[in-house]
Amino acid sequence: IIFDSSLAALAIGISLLLYGKVNGVREGTLIAAVLVGMIA
């Protein structure tokens, strides 16, 4: 959980640095983080 959260946070930071806004990380990222492991 900590690893996945860290990756998402880093992705947001990289997006802000490169594009000046959040790209590629949205509510779907959180939903996938919860559902995929649960389904497995």
Full PDB file with SEQRES, HELIX, SHEET, SSBOND, CRYST1, ORIGX, SCALE, CONECT and MASTER records, all heavy atoms in Angstrom:
SEQRES   1 A   40  ILE ILE PHE ASP SER SER LEU ALA ALA LEU ALA ILE GLY          
SEQRES   2 A   40  ILE SER LEU LEU LEU TYR GLY LYS VAL ASN GLY VAL ARG          
SEQRES   3 A   40  GLU GLY THR LEU ILE ALA ALA VAL LEU VAL GLY MET ILE          
SEQRES   4 A   40  ALA                                                          
HELIX    1 AA1 ILE A    2  TYR A   19  1                                  18    
HELIX    2 AA2 GLU A   27  ILE A   39  1                                  13    
CRYST1    1.000    1.000    1.000  90.00  90.00  90.00 P 1           1          
ORIGX1      1.000000  0.000000  0.000000        0.00000                         
ORIGX2      0.000000  1.000000  0.000000        0.00000                         
ORIGX3      0.000000  0.000000  1.000000        0.00000                         
SCALE1      1.000000  0.000000  0.000000        0.00000                         
SCALE2      0.000000  1.000000  0.000000        0.00000                         
SCALE3      0.000000  0.000000  1.000000        0.00000                         
ATOM      1  N   ILE A   1       0.836  -1.203   0.000  1.00  0.00           N  
ATOM      2  CA  ILE A   1       0.000   0.000   0.000  1.00  0.00           C  
ATOM      3  C   ILE A   1       0.874   1.258   0.000  1.00  0.00           C  
ATOM      4  O   ILE A   1       0.628   2.206  -0.749  1.00  0.00           O  
ATOM      5  CB  ILE A   1      -0.947   0.001   1.219  1.00  0.00           C  
ATOM      6  CG1 ILE A   1      -1.985  -1.117   1.090  1.00  0.00           C  
ATOM      7  CG2 ILE A   1      -1.640   1.353   1.358  1.00  0.00           C  
ATOM      8  CD1 ILE A   1      -2.846  -1.307   2.314  1.00  0.00           C  
ATOM      9  N   ILE A   2       1.905   1.261   0.846  1.00  0.00           N  
ATOM     10  CA  ILE A   2       2.820   2.403   0.917  1.00  0.00           C  
ATOM     11  C   ILE A   2       3.548   2.582  -0.411  1.00  0.00           C  
ATOM     12  O   ILE A   2       3.716   3.703  -0.911  1.00  0.00           O  
ATOM     13  CB  ILE A   2       3.830   2.222   2.064  1.00  0.00           C  
ATOM     14  CG1 ILE A   2       3.105   2.246   3.410  1.00  0.00           C  
ATOM     15  CG2 ILE A   2       4.913   3.297   2.021  1.00  0.00           C  
ATOM     16  CD1 ILE A   2       3.988   1.893   4.597  1.00  0.00           C  
ATOM     17  N   PHE A   3       3.974   1.475  -1.009  1.00  0.00           N  
ATOM     18  CA  PHE A   3       4.682   1.500  -2.289  1.00  0.00           C  
ATOM     19  C   PHE A   3       3.792   2.088  -3.385  1.00  0.00           C  
ATOM     20  O   PHE A   3       4.200   3.000  -4.113  1.00  0.00           O  
ATOM     21  CB  PHE A   3       5.118   0.084  -2.646  1.00  0.00           C  
ATOM     22  CG  PHE A   3       5.754  -0.048  -4.001  1.00  0.00           C  
ATOM     23  CD1 PHE A   3       6.968   0.565  -4.278  1.00  0.00           C  
ATOM     24  CD2 PHE A   3       5.144  -0.800  -4.995  1.00  0.00           C  
ATOM     25  CE1 PHE A   3       7.565   0.443  -5.532  1.00  0.00           C  
ATOM     26  CE2 PHE A   3       5.731  -0.935  -6.250  1.00  0.00           C  
ATOM     27  CZ  PHE A   3       6.940  -0.316  -6.512  1.00  0.00           C  
ATOM     28  N   ASP A   4       2.565   1.587  -3.492  1.00  0.00           N  
ATOM     29  CA  ASP A   4       1.640   2.079  -4.516  1.00  0.00           C  
ATOM     30  C   ASP A   4       1.314   3.556  -4.306  1.00  0.00           C  
ATOM     31  O   ASP A   4       1.259   4.337  -5.274  1.00  0.00           O  
ATOM     32  CB  ASP A   4       0.344   1.267  -4.500  1.00  0.00           C  
ATOM     33  CG  ASP A   4       0.522  -0.123  -5.086  1.00  0.00           C  
ATOM     34  OD1 ASP A   4       1.559  -0.371  -5.730  1.00  0.00           O  
ATOM     35  OD2 ASP A   4      -0.381  -0.969  -4.887  1.00  0.00           O  
ATOM     36  N   SER A   5       1.100   3.942  -3.059  1.00  0.00           N  
ATOM     37  CA  SER A   5       0.799   5.344  -2.749  1.00  0.00           C  
ATOM     38  C   SER A   5       1.972   6.246  -3.109  1.00  0.00           C  
ATOM     39  O   SER A   5       1.785   7.356  -3.635  1.00  0.00           O  
ATOM     40  CB  SER A   5       0.457   5.501  -1.268  1.00  0.00           C  
ATOM     41  OG  SER A   5      -0.647   4.696  -0.907  1.00  0.00           O  
ATOM     42  N   SER A   6       3.171   5.766  -2.842  1.00  0.00           N  
ATOM     43  CA  SER A   6       4.377   6.541  -3.154  1.00  0.00           C  
ATOM     44  C   SER A   6       4.540   6.725  -4.657  1.00  0.00           C  
ATOM     45  O   SER A   6       4.915   7.807  -5.122  1.00  0.00           O  
ATOM     46  CB  SER A   6       5.617   5.844  -2.580  1.00  0.00           C  
ATOM     47  OG  SER A   6       5.524   5.726  -1.175  1.00  0.00           O  
ATOM     48  N   LEU A   7       4.252   5.668  -5.417  1.00  0.00           N  
ATOM     49  CA  LEU A   7       4.350   5.760  -6.871  1.00  0.00           C  
ATOM     50  C   LEU A   7       3.372   6.789  -7.417  1.00  0.00           C  
ATOM     51  O   LEU A   7       3.723   7.607  -8.284  1.00  0.00           O  
ATOM     52  CB  LEU A   7       4.067   4.396  -7.510  1.00  0.00           C  
ATOM     53  CG  LEU A   7       5.113   3.304  -7.311  1.00  0.00           C  
ATOM     54  CD1 LEU A   7       4.675   2.021  -8.005  1.00  0.00           C  
ATOM     55  CD2 LEU A   7       6.477   3.746  -7.848  1.00  0.00           C  
ATOM     56  N   ALA A   8       2.132   6.756  -6.919  1.00  0.00           N  
ATOM     57  CA  ALA A   8       1.121   7.714  -7.371  1.00  0.00           C  
ATOM     58  C   ALA A   8       1.529   9.146  -7.012  1.00  0.00           C  
ATOM     59  O   ALA A   8       1.383  10.071  -7.824  1.00  0.00           O  
ATOM     60  CB  ALA A   8      -0.231   7.376  -6.755  1.00  0.00           C  
ATOM     61  N   ALA A   9       2.067   9.333  -5.804  1.00  0.00           N  
ATOM     62  CA  ALA A   9       2.507  10.658  -5.370  1.00  0.00           C  
ATOM     63  C   ALA A   9       3.676  11.152  -6.224  1.00  0.00           C  
ATOM     64  O   ALA A   9       3.714  12.326  -6.623  1.00  0.00           O  
ATOM     65  CB  ALA A   9       2.909  10.612  -3.896  1.00  0.00           C  
ATOM     66  N   LEU A  10       4.610  10.265  -6.529  1.00  0.00           N  
ATOM     67  CA  LEU A  10       5.746  10.631  -7.385  1.00  0.00           C  
ATOM     68  C   LEU A  10       5.275  10.975  -8.793  1.00  0.00           C  
ATOM     69  O   LEU A  10       5.780  11.913  -9.413  1.00  0.00           O  
ATOM     70  CB  LEU A  10       6.754   9.486  -7.438  1.00  0.00           C  
ATOM     71  CG  LEU A  10       7.669   9.323  -6.218  1.00  0.00           C  
ATOM     72  CD1 LEU A  10       8.467   8.024  -6.323  1.00  0.00           C  
ATOM     73  CD2 LEU A  10       8.626  10.510  -6.107  1.00  0.00           C  
ATOM     74  N   ALA A  11       4.298  10.217  -9.281  1.00  0.00           N  
ATOM     75  CA  ALA A  11       3.759  10.483 -10.611  1.00  0.00           C  
ATOM     76  C   ALA A  11       3.119  11.865 -10.672  1.00  0.00           C  
ATOM     77  O   ALA A  11       3.274  12.593 -11.655  1.00  0.00           O  
ATOM     78  CB  ALA A  11       2.737   9.410 -10.992  1.00  0.00           C  
ATOM     79  N   ILE A  12       2.396  12.228  -9.609  1.00  0.00           N  
ATOM     80  CA  ILE A  12       1.796  13.563  -9.541  1.00  0.00           C  
ATOM     81  C   ILE A  12       2.880  14.634  -9.542  1.00  0.00           C  
ATOM     82  O   ILE A  12       2.786  15.645 -10.247  1.00  0.00           O  
ATOM     83  CB  ILE A  12       0.908  13.691  -8.283  1.00  0.00           C  
ATOM     84  CG1 ILE A  12      -0.336  12.806  -8.417  1.00  0.00           C  
ATOM     85  CG2 ILE A  12       0.503  15.150  -8.058  1.00  0.00           C  
ATOM     86  CD1 ILE A  12      -1.176  12.731  -7.156  1.00  0.00           C  
ATOM     87  N   GLY A  13       3.935  14.419  -8.742  1.00  0.00           N  
ATOM     88  CA  GLY A  13       5.041  15.372  -8.677  1.00  0.00           C  
ATOM     89  C   GLY A  13       5.734  15.532 -10.021  1.00  0.00           C  
ATOM     90  O   GLY A  13       6.037  16.658 -10.453  1.00  0.00           O  
ATOM     91  N   ILE A  14       5.976  14.421 -10.703  1.00  0.00           N  
ATOM     92  CA  ILE A  14       6.621  14.462 -12.027  1.00  0.00           C  
ATOM     93  C   ILE A  14       5.735  15.192 -13.025  1.00  0.00           C  
ATOM     94  O   ILE A  14       6.203  15.989 -13.846  1.00  0.00           O  
ATOM     95  CB  ILE A  14       6.925  13.032 -12.518  1.00  0.00           C  
ATOM     96  CG1 ILE A  14       8.003  12.392 -11.636  1.00  0.00           C  
ATOM     97  CG2 ILE A  14       7.371  13.031 -13.978  1.00  0.00           C  
ATOM     98  CD1 ILE A  14       8.223  10.919 -11.901  1.00  0.00           C  
ATOM     99  N   SER A  15       4.427  14.928 -12.962  1.00  0.00           N  
ATOM    100  CA  SER A  15       3.480  15.574 -13.868  1.00  0.00           C  
ATOM    101  C   SER A  15       3.457  17.089 -13.658  1.00  0.00           C  
ATOM    102  O   SER A  15       3.463  17.866 -14.629  1.00  0.00           O  
ATOM    103  CB  SER A  15       2.073  14.996 -13.654  1.00  0.00           C  
ATOM    104  OG  SER A  15       1.143  15.596 -14.513  1.00  0.00           O  
ATOM    105  N   LEU A  16       3.423  17.509 -12.411  1.00  0.00           N  
ATOM    106  CA  LEU A  16       3.436  18.943 -12.111  1.00  0.00           C  
ATOM    107  C   LEU A  16       4.726  19.589 -12.582  1.00  0.00           C  
ATOM    108  O   LEU A  16       4.724  20.720 -13.098  1.00  0.00           O  
ATOM    109  CB  LEU A  16       3.257  19.162 -10.604  1.00  0.00           C  
ATOM    110  CG  LEU A  16       1.875  18.856 -10.024  1.00  0.00           C  
ATOM    111  CD1 LEU A  16       1.906  18.915  -8.505  1.00  0.00           C  
ATOM    112  CD2 LEU A  16       0.829  19.816 -10.582  1.00  0.00           C  
ATOM    113  N   LEU A  17       5.833  18.877 -12.426  1.00  0.00           N  
ATOM    114  CA  LEU A  17       7.137  19.408 -12.830  1.00  0.00           C  
ATOM    115  C   LEU A  17       7.247  19.532 -14.355  1.00  0.00           C  
ATOM    116  O   LEU A  17       7.765  20.530 -14.868  1.00  0.00           O  
ATOM    117  CB  LEU A  17       8.246  18.497 -12.301  1.00  0.00           C  
ATOM    118  CG  LEU A  17       9.689  18.920 -12.591  1.00  0.00           C  
ATOM    119  CD1 LEU A  17      10.001  20.237 -11.886  1.00  0.00           C  
ATOM    120  CD2 LEU A  17      10.666  17.838 -12.149  1.00  0.00           C  
ATOM    121  N   LEU A  18       6.739  18.516 -15.071  1.00  0.00           N  
ATOM    122  CA  LEU A  18       6.890  18.487 -16.525  1.00  0.00           C  
ATOM    123  C   LEU A  18       5.830  19.292 -17.261  1.00  0.00           C  
ATOM    124  O   LEU A  18       6.107  19.944 -18.263  1.00  0.00           O  
ATOM    125  CB  LEU A  18       6.858  17.041 -17.029  1.00  0.00           C  
ATOM    126  CG  LEU A  18       8.016  16.137 -16.622  1.00  0.00           C  
ATOM    127  CD1 LEU A  18       7.783  14.720 -17.132  1.00  0.00           C  
ATOM    128  CD2 LEU A  18       9.337  16.672 -17.159  1.00  0.00           C  
ATOM    129  N   TYR A  19       4.584  19.212 -16.767  1.00  0.00           N  
ATOM    130  CA  TYR A  19       3.469  19.797 -17.517  1.00  0.00           C  
ATOM    131  C   TYR A  19       2.781  20.967 -16.809  1.00  0.00           C  
ATOM    132  O   TYR A  19       1.912  21.610 -17.394  1.00  0.00           O  
ATOM    133  CB  TYR A  19       2.425  18.708 -17.809  1.00  0.00           C  
ATOM    134  CG  TYR A  19       3.020  17.420 -18.318  1.00  0.00           C  
ATOM    135  CD1 TYR A  19       2.851  16.226 -17.615  1.00  0.00           C  
ATOM    136  CD2 TYR A  19       3.779  17.382 -19.486  1.00  0.00           C  
ATOM    137  CE1 TYR A  19       3.409  15.037 -18.064  1.00  0.00           C  
ATOM    138  CE2 TYR A  19       4.341  16.204 -19.950  1.00  0.00           C  
ATOM    139  CZ  TYR A  19       4.155  15.027 -19.233  1.00  0.00           C  
ATOM    140  OH  TYR A  19       4.711  13.859 -19.673  1.00  0.00           O  
ATOM    141  N   GLY A  20       3.136  21.188 -15.552  1.00  0.00           N  
ATOM    142  CA  GLY A  20       2.513  22.269 -14.812  1.00  0.00           C  
ATOM    143  C   GLY A  20       1.113  21.951 -14.326  1.00  0.00           C  
ATOM    144  O   GLY A  20       0.407  22.812 -13.809  1.00  0.00           O  
ATOM    145  N   LYS A  21       0.687  20.712 -14.507  1.00  0.00           N  
ATOM    146  CA  LYS A  21      -0.624  20.257 -14.043  1.00  0.00           C  
ATOM    147  C   LYS A  21      -0.574  18.742 -13.862  1.00  0.00           C  
ATOM    148  O   LYS A  21       0.389  18.085 -14.264  1.00  0.00           O  
ATOM    149  CB  LYS A  21      -1.723  20.623 -15.037  1.00  0.00           C  
ATOM    150  CG  LYS A  21      -1.524  20.034 -16.414  1.00  0.00           C  
ATOM    151  CD  LYS A  21      -2.647  20.443 -17.365  1.00  0.00           C  
ATOM    152  CE  LYS A  21      -2.451  19.826 -18.749  1.00  0.00           C  
ATOM    153  NZ  LYS A  21      -3.553  20.210 -19.679  1.00  0.00           N  
ATOM    154  N   VAL A  22      -1.611  18.197 -13.258  1.00  0.00           N  
ATOM    155  CA  VAL A  22      -1.657  16.750 -13.010  1.00  0.00           C  
ATOM    156  C   VAL A  22      -2.206  16.049 -14.240  1.00  0.00           C  
ATOM    157  O   VAL A  22      -3.357  16.266 -14.631  1.00  0.00           O  
ATOM    158  CB  VAL A  22      -2.526  16.415 -11.773  1.00  0.00           C  
ATOM    159  CG1 VAL A  22      -2.589  14.902 -11.586  1.00  0.00           C  
ATOM    160  CG2 VAL A  22      -1.956  17.079 -10.532  1.00  0.00           C  
ATOM    161  N   ASN A  23      -1.389  15.222 -14.862  1.00  0.00           N  
ATOM    162  CA  ASN A  23      -1.782  14.410 -16.008  1.00  0.00           C  
ATOM    163  C   ASN A  23      -1.563  12.937 -15.677  1.00  0.00           C  
ATOM    164  O   ASN A  23      -0.538  12.570 -15.103  1.00  0.00           O  
ATOM    165  CB  ASN A  23      -0.947  14.746 -17.253  1.00  0.00           C  
ATOM    166  CG  ASN A  23      -1.461  15.969 -17.971  1.00  0.00           C  
ATOM    167  OD1 ASN A  23      -2.624  16.332 -17.841  1.00  0.00           O  
ATOM    168  ND2 ASN A  23      -0.598  16.624 -18.744  1.00  0.00           N  
ATOM    169  N   GLY A  24      -2.517  12.097 -16.053  1.00  0.00           N  
ATOM    170  CA  GLY A  24      -2.308  10.651 -15.938  1.00  0.00           C  
ATOM    171  C   GLY A  24      -2.635  10.049 -14.590  1.00  0.00           C  
ATOM    172  O   GLY A  24      -2.646   8.821 -14.450  1.00  0.00           O  
ATOM    173  N   VAL A  25      -2.853  10.869 -13.580  1.00  0.00           N  
ATOM    174  CA  VAL A  25      -3.212  10.371 -12.248  1.00  0.00           C  
ATOM    175  C   VAL A  25      -4.533  11.021 -11.851  1.00  0.00           C  
ATOM    176  O   VAL A  25      -4.592  12.238 -11.652  1.00  0.00           O  
ATOM    177  CB  VAL A  25      -2.129  10.690 -11.196  1.00  0.00           C  
ATOM    178  CG1 VAL A  25      -2.522  10.113  -9.837  1.00  0.00           C  
ATOM    179  CG2 VAL A  25      -0.780  10.138 -11.627  1.00  0.00           C  
ATOM    180  N   ARG A  26      -5.570  10.179 -11.769  1.00  0.00           N  
ATOM    181  CA  ARG A  26      -6.894  10.697 -11.436  1.00  0.00           C  
ATOM    182  C   ARG A  26      -7.597   9.730 -10.486  1.00  0.00           C  
ATOM    183  O   ARG A  26      -6.961   8.866  -9.882  1.00  0.00           O  
ATOM    184  CB  ARG A  26      -7.715  10.903 -12.717  1.00  0.00           C  
ATOM    185  CG  ARG A  26      -7.264  12.067 -13.587  1.00  0.00           C  
ATOM    186  CD  ARG A  26      -8.151  12.255 -14.800  1.00  0.00           C  
ATOM    187  NE  ARG A  26      -9.566  12.389 -14.417  1.00  0.00           N  
ATOM    188  CZ  ARG A  26     -10.536  12.509 -15.303  1.00  0.00           C  
ATOM    189  NH1 ARG A  26     -10.265  12.502 -16.606  1.00  0.00           N  
ATOM    190  NH2 ARG A  26     -11.802  12.630 -14.897  1.00  0.00           N  
ATOM    191  N   GLU A  27      -8.922   9.885 -10.401  1.00  0.00           N  
ATOM    192  CA  GLU A  27      -9.681   9.028  -9.497  1.00  0.00           C  
ATOM    193  C   GLU A  27      -9.578   7.555  -9.881  1.00  0.00           C  
ATOM    194  O   GLU A  27      -9.677   6.671  -9.027  1.00  0.00           O  
ATOM    195  CB  GLU A  27     -11.150   9.464  -9.461  1.00  0.00           C  
ATOM    196  CG  GLU A  27     -11.899   9.358 -10.790  1.00  0.00           C  
ATOM    197  CD  GLU A  27     -11.811  10.596 -11.636  1.00  0.00           C  
ATOM    198  OE1 GLU A  27     -10.799  11.331 -11.524  1.00  0.00           O  
ATOM    199  OE2 GLU A  27     -12.735  10.837 -12.424  1.00  0.00           O  
ATOM    200  N   GLY A  28      -9.340   7.295 -11.179  1.00  0.00           N  
ATOM    201  CA  GLY A  28      -9.189   5.919 -11.632  1.00  0.00           C  
ATOM    202  C   GLY A  28      -7.982   5.232 -11.015  1.00  0.00           C  
ATOM    203  O   GLY A  28      -7.988   4.016 -10.817  1.00  0.00           O  
ATOM    204  N   THR A  29      -6.950   6.013 -10.701  1.00  0.00           N  
ATOM    205  CA  THR A  29      -5.753   5.462 -10.063  1.00  0.00           C  
ATOM    206  C   THR A  29      -6.090   4.929  -8.676  1.00  0.00           C  
ATOM    207  O   THR A  29      -5.665   3.838  -8.291  1.00  0.00           O  
ATOM    208  CB  THR A  29      -4.661   6.546  -9.957  1.00  0.00           C  
ATOM    209  OG1 THR A  29      -4.401   7.081 -11.263  1.00  0.00           O  
ATOM    210  CG2 THR A  29      -3.373   5.962  -9.391  1.00  0.00           C  
ATOM    211  N   LEU A  30      -6.877   5.705  -7.926  1.00  0.00           N  
ATOM    212  CA  LEU A  30      -7.292   5.286  -6.591  1.00  0.00           C  
ATOM    213  C   LEU A  30      -8.222   4.076  -6.665  1.00  0.00           C  
ATOM    214  O   LEU A  30      -8.080   3.115  -5.895  1.00  0.00           O  
ATOM    215  CB  LEU A  30      -7.982   6.444  -5.869  1.00  0.00           C  
ATOM    216  CG  LEU A  30      -8.528   6.155  -4.467  1.00  0.00           C  
ATOM    217  CD1 LEU A  30      -7.396   5.727  -3.536  1.00  0.00           C  
ATOM    218  CD2 LEU A  30      -9.243   7.380  -3.912  1.00  0.00           C  
ATOM    219  N   ILE A  31      -9.174   4.120  -7.614  1.00  0.00           N  
ATOM    220  CA  ILE A  31     -10.106   3.006  -7.767  1.00  0.00           C  
ATOM    221  C   ILE A  31      -9.367   1.727  -8.116  1.00  0.00           C  
ATOM    222  O   ILE A  31      -9.634   0.650  -7.562  1.00  0.00           O  
ATOM    223  CB  ILE A  31     -11.162   3.338  -8.849  1.00  0.00           C  
ATOM    224  CG1 ILE A  31     -12.065   4.476  -8.378  1.00  0.00           C  
ATOM    225  CG2 ILE A  31     -12.005   2.106  -9.183  1.00  0.00           C  
ATOM    226  CD1 ILE A  31     -13.004   5.001  -9.438  1.00  0.00           C  
ATOM    227  N   ALA A  32      -8.407   1.812  -9.035  1.00  0.00           N  
ATOM    228  CA  ALA A  32      -7.613   0.638  -9.423  1.00  0.00           C  
ATOM    229  C   ALA A  32      -6.803   0.117  -8.249  1.00  0.00           C  
ATOM    230  O   ALA A  32      -6.678  -1.099  -8.059  1.00  0.00           O  
ATOM    231  CB  ALA A  32      -6.694   0.992 -10.593  1.00  0.00           C  
ATOM    232  N   ALA A  33      -6.244   1.030  -7.458  1.00  0.00           N  
ATOM    233  CA  ALA A  33      -5.439   0.626  -6.306  1.00  0.00           C  
ATOM    234  C   ALA A  33      -6.254  -0.200  -5.316  1.00  0.00           C  
ATOM    235  O   ALA A  33      -5.753  -1.153  -4.716  1.00  0.00           O  
ATOM    236  CB  ALA A  33      -4.869   1.864  -5.610  1.00  0.00           C  
ATOM    237  N   VAL A  34      -7.526   0.148  -5.168  1.00  0.00           N  
ATOM    238  CA  VAL A  34      -8.395  -0.564  -4.222  1.00  0.00           C  
ATOM    239  C   VAL A  34      -8.962  -1.842  -4.827  1.00  0.00           C  
ATOM    240  O   VAL A  34      -8.916  -2.919  -4.213  1.00  0.00           O  
ATOM    241  CB  VAL A  34      -9.553   0.359  -3.766  1.00  0.00           C  
ATOM    242  CG1 VAL A  34     -10.536  -0.430  -2.901  1.00  0.00           C  
ATOM    243  CG2 VAL A  34      -9.010   1.554  -2.999  1.00  0.00           C  
ATOM    244  N   LEU A  35      -9.470  -1.752  -6.056  1.00  0.00           N  
ATOM    245  CA  LEU A  35     -10.218  -2.861  -6.646  1.00  0.00           C  
ATOM    246  C   LEU A  35      -9.355  -4.022  -7.118  1.00  0.00           C  
ATOM    247  O   LEU A  35      -9.727  -5.187  -6.944  1.00  0.00           O  
ATOM    248  CB  LEU A  35     -11.062  -2.355  -7.819  1.00  0.00           C  
ATOM    249  CG  LEU A  35     -12.336  -1.597  -7.482  1.00  0.00           C  
ATOM    250  CD1 LEU A  35     -13.125  -1.306  -8.751  1.00  0.00           C  
ATOM    251  CD2 LEU A  35     -13.206  -2.390  -6.511  1.00  0.00           C  
ATOM    252  N   VAL A  36      -8.219  -3.742  -7.736  1.00  0.00           N  
ATOM    253  CA  VAL A  36      -7.421  -4.808  -8.349  1.00  0.00           C  
ATOM    254  C   VAL A  36      -6.988  -5.854  -7.327  1.00  0.00           C  
ATOM    255  O   VAL A  36      -7.173  -7.060  -7.520  1.00  0.00           O  
ATOM    256  CB  VAL A  36      -6.194  -4.229  -9.077  1.00  0.00           C  
ATOM    257  CG1 VAL A  36      -5.270  -5.360  -9.545  1.00  0.00           C  
ATOM    258  CG2 VAL A  36      -6.633  -3.393 -10.272  1.00  0.00           C  
ATOM    259  N   GLY A  37      -6.433  -5.394  -6.215  1.00  0.00           N  
ATOM    260  CA  GLY A  37      -6.013  -6.328  -5.174  1.00  0.00           C  
ATOM    261  C   GLY A  37      -7.191  -7.067  -4.568  1.00  0.00           C  
ATOM    262  O   GLY A  37      -7.110  -8.262  -4.277  1.00  0.00           O  
ATOM    263  N   MET A  38      -8.315  -6.358  -4.396  1.00  0.00           N  
ATOM    264  CA  MET A  38      -9.507  -6.971  -3.840  1.00  0.00           C  
ATOM    265  C   MET A  38     -10.029  -8.079  -4.753  1.00  0.00           C  
ATOM    266  O   MET A  38     -10.382  -9.170  -4.299  1.00  0.00           O  
ATOM    267  CB  MET A  38     -10.588  -5.896  -3.642  1.00  0.00           C  
ATOM    268  CG  MET A  38     -11.860  -6.401  -2.962  1.00  0.00           C  
ATOM    269  SD  MET A  38     -13.129  -5.090  -2.888  1.00  0.00           S  
ATOM    270  CE  MET A  38     -12.244  -3.835  -1.950  1.00  0.00           C  
ATOM    271  N   ILE A  39     -10.058  -7.806  -6.064  1.00  0.00           N  
ATOM    272  CA  ILE A  39     -10.535  -8.796  -7.033  1.00  0.00           C  
ATOM    273  C   ILE A  39      -9.618 -10.012  -7.050  1.00  0.00           C  
ATOM    274  O   ILE A  39     -10.083 -11.159  -7.068  1.00  0.00           O  
ATOM    275  CB  ILE A  39     -10.624  -8.163  -8.434  1.00  0.00           C  
ATOM    276  CG1 ILE A  39     -11.770  -7.149  -8.470  1.00  0.00           C  
ATOM    277  CG2 ILE A  39     -10.835  -9.228  -9.513  1.00  0.00           C  
ATOM    278  CD1 ILE A  39     -11.771  -6.269  -9.702  1.00  0.00           C  
ATOM    279  N   ALA A  40      -8.308  -9.785  -7.029  1.00  0.00           N  
ATOM    280  CA  ALA A  40      -7.350 -10.889  -7.032  1.00  0.00           C  
ATOM    281  C   ALA A  40      -7.523 -11.771  -5.795  1.00  0.00           C  
ATOM    282  O   ALA A  40      -7.482 -13.002  -5.876  1.00  0.00           O  
ATOM    283  CB  ALA A  40      -5.923 -10.352  -7.109  1.00  0.00           C  
TER     284      ALA A  40                                                      
MASTER        0    0    0    2    0    0    0    6  283    1    0    4          
END                                                                             
